[in-house]
Amino acid sequence: TLAEQISQTYYGNVVTSKVKEDIIICRTYSAETLELDISDLSSVQAIFKNQKSFDILVNSAGLGRHTPSLETSAEDFDEVMDVNLRGAYFLTQTVAKALIKAKKPGSLINISSQMGHVGGVDRAVYAASKHAVEGFTKAMAIEWGSHEIRVNTICPTFIRTPLTQSTFDNPDRKKWIEDKIKLGRVGEVEDVMGAVVFLASDASSMITGTALMIDGGWTAD
């Protein structure tokens, strides 16, 4: 798992999140799970109130409701923003508050998207949410740099998972993706894991307020 990969290179407390799934707290090679929905802010704050500060945050919670922009419903818009923007913002804030209180440095990583830098067909709401994540990442990095807290994003291209399989099953979408990725293949989960380990480690100790593109050259155009 992602938490296991980080724990092999970093000694400390790590939190990784997925919407309505588990938070994994790694202390070297042991772990425990906490159920967490990052769109429920009161629940997030209550759970973290009873936890020690985390050295590393990896927020991979995300949601997409992909429709043409003329067909976007207010319900879909709010649901995407609650997770991708509102949830990500306040989860990052919550972890940072604990670090500052403990006077500890940290690395806070939000899994954003290449759609935080470009647009895409049927991706207006999703792209809006990820552009916003890129914006608050830069602002938080400026504000928290004096506390030795680094804030960055990782921006993957389309990653092959069960959740994205329906996109790859659409011949037109599949061709669009393959034509845009210069390396000639779609992303795998392992491509993202390496980037997370890098940003979580001291190897990136001078990196903050930026995005690490894992897009196979998509945004190079």
C-alpha atoms as a PDB file:
ATOM      1  CA  THR A   1       0.000   0.000   0.000  1.00  0.00           C
ATOM      2  CA  LEU A   2       0.944   3.646  -0.254  1.00  0.00           C
ATOM      3  CA  ALA A   3       1.290   3.931   3.511  1.00  0.00           C
ATOM      4  CA  GLU A   4       3.632   0.923   3.568  1.00  0.00           C
ATOM      5  CA  GLN A   5       5.804   2.486   0.851  1.00  0.00           C
ATOM      6  CA  ILE A   6       6.183   5.686   2.861  1.00  0.00           C
ATOM      7  CA  SER A   7       6.824   3.842   6.102  1.00  0.00           C
ATOM      8  CA  GLN A   8       9.803   2.072   4.535  1.00  0.00           C
ATOM      9  CA  THR A   9      11.530   5.399   3.870  1.00  0.00           C
ATOM     10  CA  TYR A  10      10.277   7.609   6.694  1.00  0.00           C
ATOM     11  CA  TYR A  11      10.050   7.179  10.455  1.00  0.00           C
ATOM     12  CA  GLY A  12       7.034   9.051  11.794  1.00  0.00           C
ATOM     13  CA  ASN A  13       3.280   9.391  11.621  1.00  0.00           C
ATOM     14  CA  VAL A  14       1.567   9.281   8.245  1.00  0.00           C
ATOM     15  CA  VAL A  15      -2.030   9.830   7.275  1.00  0.00           C
ATOM     16  CA  THR A  16      -3.402   8.822   3.883  1.00  0.00           C
ATOM     17  CA  SER A  17      -7.057   9.310   3.014  1.00  0.00           C
ATOM     18  CA  LYS A  18      -9.682   8.000   0.626  1.00  0.00           C
ATOM     19  CA  VAL A  19     -13.230   9.267   0.641  1.00  0.00           C
ATOM     20  CA  LYS A  20     -15.543   7.112   2.795  1.00  0.00           C
ATOM     21  CA  GLU A  21     -12.831   4.515   3.153  1.00  0.00           C
ATOM     22  CA  ASP A  22      -9.925   4.272   5.568  1.00  0.00           C
ATOM     23  CA  ILE A  23      -7.276   6.536   6.944  1.00  0.00           C
ATOM     24  CA  ILE A  24      -4.094   4.583   7.456  1.00  0.00           C
ATOM     25  CA  ILE A  25      -1.863   5.733  10.271  1.00  0.00           C
ATOM     26  CA  CYS A  26       1.589   4.213   9.863  1.00  0.00           C
ATOM     27  CA  ARG A  27       4.179   4.096  12.568  1.00  0.00           C
ATOM     28  CA  THR A  28       7.074   2.423  10.778  1.00  0.00           C
ATOM     29  CA  TYR A  29       5.660  -1.024   9.885  1.00  0.00           C
ATOM     30  CA  SER A  30       2.541  -1.084  12.039  1.00  0.00           C
ATOM     31  CA  ALA A  31      -0.756   0.533  11.118  1.00  0.00           C
ATOM     32  CA  GLU A  32      -4.267   1.167  12.340  1.00  0.00           C
ATOM     33  CA  THR A  33      -7.330   2.332  10.435  1.00  0.00           C
ATOM     34  CA  LEU A  34      -9.871   5.057  11.092  1.00  0.00           C
ATOM     35  CA  GLU A  35     -13.054   5.416   9.057  1.00  0.00           C
ATOM     36  CA  LEU A  36     -13.292   8.958   7.733  1.00  0.00           C
ATOM     37  CA  ASP A  37     -15.367  10.909   5.211  1.00  0.00           C
ATOM     38  CA  ILE A  38     -13.470  14.134   4.525  1.00  0.00           C
ATOM     39  CA  SER A  39     -16.637  15.871   3.342  1.00  0.00           C
ATOM     40  CA  ASP A  40     -17.919  15.638   6.941  1.00  0.00           C
ATOM     41  CA  LEU A  41     -15.876  18.428   8.529  1.00  0.00           C
ATOM     42  CA  SER A  42     -17.157  18.017  12.068  1.00  0.00           C
ATOM     43  CA  SER A  43     -16.266  14.321  12.002  1.00  0.00           C
ATOM     44  CA  VAL A  44     -12.783  15.058  10.664  1.00  0.00           C
ATOM     45  CA  GLN A  45     -12.112  17.627  13.366  1.00  0.00           C
ATOM     46  CA  ALA A  46     -13.440  15.366  16.127  1.00  0.00           C
ATOM     47  CA  ILE A  47     -11.295  12.423  15.055  1.00  0.00           C
ATOM     48  CA  PHE A  48      -8.118  14.452  14.641  1.00  0.00           C
ATOM     49  CA  LYS A  49      -8.643  16.176  17.987  1.00  0.00           C
ATOM     50  CA  ASN A  50      -7.772  12.908  19.710  1.00  0.00           C
ATOM     51  CA  GLN A  51      -4.779  12.076  17.503  1.00  0.00           C
ATOM     52  CA  LYS A  52      -1.148  13.098  17.712  1.00  0.00           C
ATOM     53  CA  SER A  53       0.110  15.440  15.023  1.00  0.00           C
ATOM     54  CA  PHE A  54       0.929  13.805  11.687  1.00  0.00           C
ATOM     55  CA  ASP A  55       4.280  14.342  10.009  1.00  0.00           C
ATOM     56  CA  ILE A  56       2.906  13.545   6.559  1.00  0.00           C
ATOM     57  CA  LEU A  57      -0.498  13.974   4.952  1.00  0.00           C
ATOM     58  CA  VAL A  58      -1.363  12.222   1.706  1.00  0.00           C
ATOM     59  CA  ASN A  59      -4.904  13.151   0.737  1.00  0.00           C
ATOM     60  CA  SER A  60      -6.054  10.936  -2.124  1.00  0.00           C
ATOM     61  CA  ALA A  61      -9.791  11.406  -1.607  1.00  0.00           C
ATOM     62  CA  GLY A  62     -11.460  12.449  -4.836  1.00  0.00           C
ATOM     63  CA  LEU A  63     -14.763  12.433  -6.653  1.00  0.00           C
ATOM     64  CA  GLY A  64     -15.843  12.992 -10.251  1.00  0.00           C
ATOM     65  CA  ARG A  65     -19.254  13.666 -11.776  1.00  0.00           C
ATOM     66  CA  HIS A  66     -18.363  14.004 -15.440  1.00  0.00           C
ATOM     67  CA  THR A  67     -21.000  15.618 -17.657  1.00  0.00           C
ATOM     68  CA  PRO A  68     -21.072  18.311 -20.348  1.00  0.00           C
ATOM     69  CA  SER A  69     -20.925  21.707 -18.634  1.00  0.00           C
ATOM     70  CA  LEU A  70     -24.370  22.655 -19.963  1.00  0.00           C
ATOM     71  CA  GLU A  71     -25.817  19.639 -18.153  1.00  0.00           C
ATOM     72  CA  THR A  72     -24.099  20.080 -14.771  1.00  0.00           C
ATOM     73  CA  SER A  73     -26.566  19.863 -11.892  1.00  0.00           C
ATOM     74  CA  ALA A  74     -26.165  21.854  -8.691  1.00  0.00           C
ATOM     75  CA  GLU A  75     -26.233  18.569  -6.768  1.00  0.00           C
ATOM     76  CA  ASP A  76     -23.299  17.117  -8.722  1.00  0.00           C
ATOM     77  CA  PHE A  77     -21.384  20.390  -8.449  1.00  0.00           C
ATOM     78  CA  ASP A  78     -21.794  20.545  -4.673  1.00  0.00           C
ATOM     79  CA  GLU A  79     -20.930  16.880  -4.181  1.00  0.00           C
ATOM     80  CA  VAL A  80     -17.662  17.185  -6.124  1.00  0.00           C
ATOM     81  CA  MET A  81     -16.667  20.416  -4.403  1.00  0.00           C
ATOM     82  CA  ASP A  82     -17.469  19.014  -0.947  1.00  0.00           C
ATOM     83  CA  VAL A  83     -14.833  16.319  -1.393  1.00  0.00           C
ATOM     84  CA  ASN A  84     -12.282  17.656  -3.879  1.00  0.00           C
ATOM     85  CA  LEU A  85     -12.109  21.229  -2.582  1.00  0.00           C
ATOM     86  CA  ARG A  86     -13.833  21.794   0.756  1.00  0.00           C
ATOM     87  CA  GLY A  87     -12.789  18.456   2.222  1.00  0.00           C
ATOM     88  CA  ALA A  88      -9.217  18.710   0.953  1.00  0.00           C
ATOM     89  CA  TYR A  89      -8.858  22.292   2.183  1.00  0.00           C
ATOM     90  CA  PHE A  90      -9.998  21.660   5.729  1.00  0.00           C
ATOM     91  CA  LEU A  91      -8.232  18.312   6.064  1.00  0.00           C
ATOM     92  CA  THR A  92      -4.974  20.043   5.105  1.00  0.00           C
ATOM     93  CA  GLN A  93      -5.749  22.874   7.516  1.00  0.00           C
ATOM     94  CA  THR A  94      -6.524  20.452  10.355  1.00  0.00           C
ATOM     95  CA  VAL A  95      -3.236  18.566   9.958  1.00  0.00           C
ATOM     96  CA  ALA A  96      -1.280  21.836   9.704  1.00  0.00           C
ATOM     97  CA  LYS A  97      -2.831  23.237  12.883  1.00  0.00           C
ATOM     98  CA  ALA A  98      -1.682  20.217  14.858  1.00  0.00           C
ATOM     99  CA  LEU A  99       1.843  20.449  13.428  1.00  0.00           C
ATOM    100  CA  ILE A 100       2.096  24.142  14.260  1.00  0.00           C
ATOM    101  CA  LYS A 101       0.809  23.536  17.782  1.00  0.00           C
ATOM    102  CA  ALA A 102       3.395  20.782  18.253  1.00  0.00           C
ATOM    103  CA  LYS A 103       6.088  22.957  16.629  1.00  0.00           C
ATOM    104  CA  LYS A 104       6.917  20.196  14.175  1.00  0.00           C
ATOM    105  CA  PRO A 105       7.760  20.313  10.450  1.00  0.00           C
ATOM    106  CA  GLY A 106       5.681  18.358   7.981  1.00  0.00           C
ATOM    107  CA  SER A 107       4.932  17.465   4.376  1.00  0.00           C
ATOM    108  CA  LEU A 108       1.318  17.863   3.259  1.00  0.00           C
ATOM    109  CA  ILE A 109       0.449  16.324  -0.100  1.00  0.00           C
ATOM    110  CA  ASN A 110      -2.844  16.531  -1.935  1.00  0.00           C
ATOM    111  CA  ILE A 111      -3.424  14.267  -4.922  1.00  0.00           C
ATOM    112  CA  SER A 112      -4.696  16.764  -7.460  1.00  0.00           C
ATOM    113  CA  SER A 113      -4.855  16.109 -11.214  1.00  0.00           C
ATOM    114  CA  GLN A 114      -3.508  17.197 -14.554  1.00  0.00           C
ATOM    115  CA  MET A 115      -7.007  18.713 -14.852  1.00  0.00           C
ATOM    116  CA  GLY A 116      -5.834  21.258 -12.291  1.00  0.00           C
ATOM    117  CA  HIS A 117      -3.698  22.709 -15.108  1.00  0.00           C
ATOM    118  CA  VAL A 118      -5.738  22.091 -18.245  1.00  0.00           C
ATOM    119  CA  GLY A 119      -9.347  21.469 -19.242  1.00  0.00           C
ATOM    120  CA  GLY A 120     -11.071  18.427 -20.675  1.00  0.00           C
ATOM    121  CA  VAL A 121     -14.275  17.258 -22.279  1.00  0.00           C
ATOM    122  CA  ASP A 122     -17.011  16.738 -19.667  1.00  0.00           C
ATOM    123  CA  ARG A 123     -14.555  17.782 -16.954  1.00  0.00           C
ATOM    124  CA  ALA A 124     -15.667  21.359 -16.145  1.00  0.00           C
ATOM    125  CA  VAL A 125     -16.633  20.729 -12.518  1.00  0.00           C
ATOM    126  CA  TYR A 126     -13.769  18.350 -11.845  1.00  0.00           C
ATOM    127  CA  ALA A 127     -11.245  20.742 -13.421  1.00  0.00           C
ATOM    128  CA  ALA A 128     -12.653  23.647 -11.418  1.00  0.00           C
ATOM    129  CA  SER A 129     -12.188  21.723  -8.175  1.00  0.00           C
ATOM    130  CA  LYS A 130      -8.621  20.740  -8.991  1.00  0.00           C
ATOM    131  CA  HIS A 131      -7.613  24.225 -10.189  1.00  0.00           C
ATOM    132  CA  ALA A 132      -8.797  25.435  -6.780  1.00  0.00           C
ATOM    133  CA  VAL A 133      -6.660  22.824  -5.005  1.00  0.00           C
ATOM    134  CA  GLU A 134      -3.633  24.097  -6.905  1.00  0.00           C
ATOM    135  CA  GLY A 135      -4.471  27.618  -5.746  1.00  0.00           C
ATOM    136  CA  PHE A 136      -4.838  26.908  -2.043  1.00  0.00           C
ATOM    137  CA  THR A 137      -1.708  24.758  -2.123  1.00  0.00           C
ATOM    138  CA  LYS A 138       0.378  27.738  -3.216  1.00  0.00           C
ATOM    139  CA  ALA A 139      -1.223  30.053  -0.662  1.00  0.00           C
ATOM    140  CA  MET A 140      -0.786  27.599   2.216  1.00  0.00           C
ATOM    141  CA  ALA A 141       2.837  26.986   1.242  1.00  0.00           C
ATOM    142  CA  ILE A 142       3.484  30.726   1.514  1.00  0.00           C
ATOM    143  CA  GLU A 143       1.750  31.018   4.887  1.00  0.00           C
ATOM    144  CA  TRP A 144       3.215  27.914   6.523  1.00  0.00           C
ATOM    145  CA  GLY A 145       6.753  27.962   5.161  1.00  0.00           C
ATOM    146  CA  SER A 146       8.036  29.696   8.300  1.00  0.00           C
ATOM    147  CA  HIS A 147       6.768  26.685  10.284  1.00  0.00           C
ATOM    148  CA  GLU A 148       8.758  24.292   8.056  1.00  0.00           C
ATOM    149  CA  ILE A 149       5.561  22.828   6.697  1.00  0.00           C
ATOM    150  CA  ARG A 150       5.720  21.986   3.001  1.00  0.00           C
ATOM    151  CA  VAL A 151       2.541  21.854   0.903  1.00  0.00           C
ATOM    152  CA  ASN A 152       2.514  20.325  -2.573  1.00  0.00           C
ATOM    153  CA  THR A 153       0.279  18.531  -5.032  1.00  0.00           C
ATOM    154  CA  ILE A 154       0.745  15.519  -7.256  1.00  0.00           C
ATOM    155  CA  CYS A 155      -1.061  15.774 -10.588  1.00  0.00           C
ATOM    156  CA  PRO A 156      -1.563  12.422 -12.281  1.00  0.00           C
ATOM    157  CA  THR A 157      -2.937  11.751 -15.718  1.00  0.00           C
ATOM    158  CA  PHE A 158      -5.579   9.047 -16.149  1.00  0.00           C
ATOM    159  CA  ILE A 159      -4.616   6.186 -13.834  1.00  0.00           C
ATOM    160  CA  ARG A 160      -5.921   2.701 -14.557  1.00  0.00           C
ATOM    161  CA  THR A 161      -8.061   1.623 -11.597  1.00  0.00           C
ATOM    162  CA  PRO A 162     -11.460  -0.049 -11.214  1.00  0.00           C
ATOM    163  CA  LEU A 163     -12.985   3.431 -10.840  1.00  0.00           C
ATOM    164  CA  THR A 164     -11.604   4.621 -14.197  1.00  0.00           C
ATOM    165  CA  GLN A 165     -12.200   1.422 -16.152  1.00  0.00           C
ATOM    166  CA  SER A 166     -15.472   2.720 -17.621  1.00  0.00           C
ATOM    167  CA  THR A 167     -13.527   5.582 -19.219  1.00  0.00           C
ATOM    168  CA  PHE A 168     -11.064   3.175 -20.813  1.00  0.00           C
ATOM    169  CA  ASP A 169     -13.942   1.021 -22.014  1.00  0.00           C
ATOM    170  CA  ASN A 170     -15.180   3.942 -24.149  1.00  0.00           C
ATOM    171  CA  PRO A 171     -13.244   3.725 -27.475  1.00  0.00           C
ATOM    172  CA  ASP A 172     -13.422   7.478 -28.134  1.00  0.00           C
ATOM    173  CA  ARG A 173     -12.252   8.395 -24.635  1.00  0.00           C
ATOM    174  CA  LYS A 174      -9.512   5.753 -24.742  1.00  0.00           C
ATOM    175  CA  LYS A 175      -8.161   7.126 -28.029  1.00  0.00           C
ATOM    176  CA  TRP A 176      -8.276  10.702 -26.692  1.00  0.00           C
ATOM    177  CA  ILE A 177      -6.270   9.668 -23.634  1.00  0.00           C
ATOM    178  CA  GLU A 178      -3.704   7.654 -25.577  1.00  0.00           C
ATOM    179  CA  ASP A 179      -3.224  10.474 -28.096  1.00  0.00           C
ATOM    180  CA  LYS A 180      -2.572  13.020 -25.331  1.00  0.00           C
ATOM    181  CA  ILE A 181      -0.087  10.974 -23.276  1.00  0.00           C
ATOM    182  CA  LYS A 182       3.291  11.353 -24.974  1.00  0.00           C
ATOM    183  CA  LEU A 183       4.831   8.278 -23.349  1.00  0.00           C
ATOM    184  CA  GLY A 184       2.302   6.046 -25.068  1.00  0.00           C
ATOM    185  CA  ARG A 185       0.731   4.397 -22.035  1.00  0.00           C
ATOM    186  CA  VAL A 186      -1.755   5.207 -19.318  1.00  0.00           C
ATOM    187  CA  GLY A 187      -0.702   5.719 -15.725  1.00  0.00           C
ATOM    188  CA  GLU A 188      -0.546   2.993 -13.102  1.00  0.00           C
ATOM    189  CA  VAL A 189      -0.957   3.399  -9.347  1.00  0.00           C
ATOM    190  CA  GLU A 190       2.753   2.684  -8.891  1.00  0.00           C
ATOM    191  CA  ASP A 191       3.587   5.802 -10.930  1.00  0.00           C
ATOM    192  CA  VAL A 192       1.905   7.928  -8.276  1.00  0.00           C
ATOM    193  CA  MET A 193       3.349   6.041  -5.317  1.00  0.00           C
ATOM    194  CA  GLY A 194       6.928   6.929  -6.262  1.00  0.00           C
ATOM    195  CA  ALA A 195       6.055  10.611  -6.421  1.00  0.00           C
ATOM    196  CA  VAL A 196       4.380  10.473  -3.014  1.00  0.00           C
ATOM    197  CA  VAL A 197       7.397   8.820  -1.402  1.00  0.00           C
ATOM    198  CA  PHE A 198       9.623  11.534  -2.895  1.00  0.00           C
ATOM    199  CA  LEU A 199       7.519  14.444  -1.631  1.00  0.00           C
ATOM    200  CA  ALA A 200       7.089  12.793   1.763  1.00  0.00           C
ATOM    201  CA  SER A 201      10.836  12.355   2.214  1.00  0.00           C
ATOM    202  CA  ASP A 202      13.682  14.725   2.997  1.00  0.00           C
ATOM    203  CA  ALA A 203      14.815  14.364  -0.621  1.00  0.00           C
ATOM    204  CA  SER A 204      12.240  17.072  -1.398  1.00  0.00           C
ATOM    205  CA  SER A 205      13.001  19.278   1.616  1.00  0.00           C
ATOM    206  CA  MET A 206      13.363  22.390  -0.582  1.00  0.00           C
ATOM    207  CA  ILE A 207      10.138  21.810  -2.514  1.00  0.00           C
ATOM    208  CA  THR A 208       6.911  23.549  -1.519  1.00  0.00           C
ATOM    209  CA  GLY A 209       3.998  25.314  -3.171  1.00  0.00           C
ATOM    210  CA  THR A 210       4.310  23.409  -6.414  1.00  0.00           C
ATOM    211  CA  ALA A 211       2.807  20.571  -8.441  1.00  0.00           C
ATOM    212  CA  LEU A 212       4.571  17.376  -9.453  1.00  0.00           C
ATOM    213  CA  MET A 213       3.162  16.352 -12.820  1.00  0.00           C
ATOM    214  CA  ILE A 214       2.741  12.600 -13.352  1.00  0.00           C
ATOM    215  CA  ASP A 215       1.052  13.006 -16.708  1.00  0.00           C
ATOM    216  CA  GLY A 216       3.252  11.341 -19.321  1.00  0.00           C
ATOM    217  CA  GLY A 217       3.688  14.682 -21.064  1.00  0.00           C
ATOM    218  CA  TRP A 218      -0.053  15.517 -21.354  1.00  0.00           C
ATOM    219  CA  THR A 219       0.423  19.138 -20.209  1.00  0.00           C
ATOM    220  CA  ALA A 220       3.618  19.675 -22.210  1.00  0.00           C
ATOM    221  CA  ASP A 221       1.633  20.919 -25.222  1.00  0.00           C
END
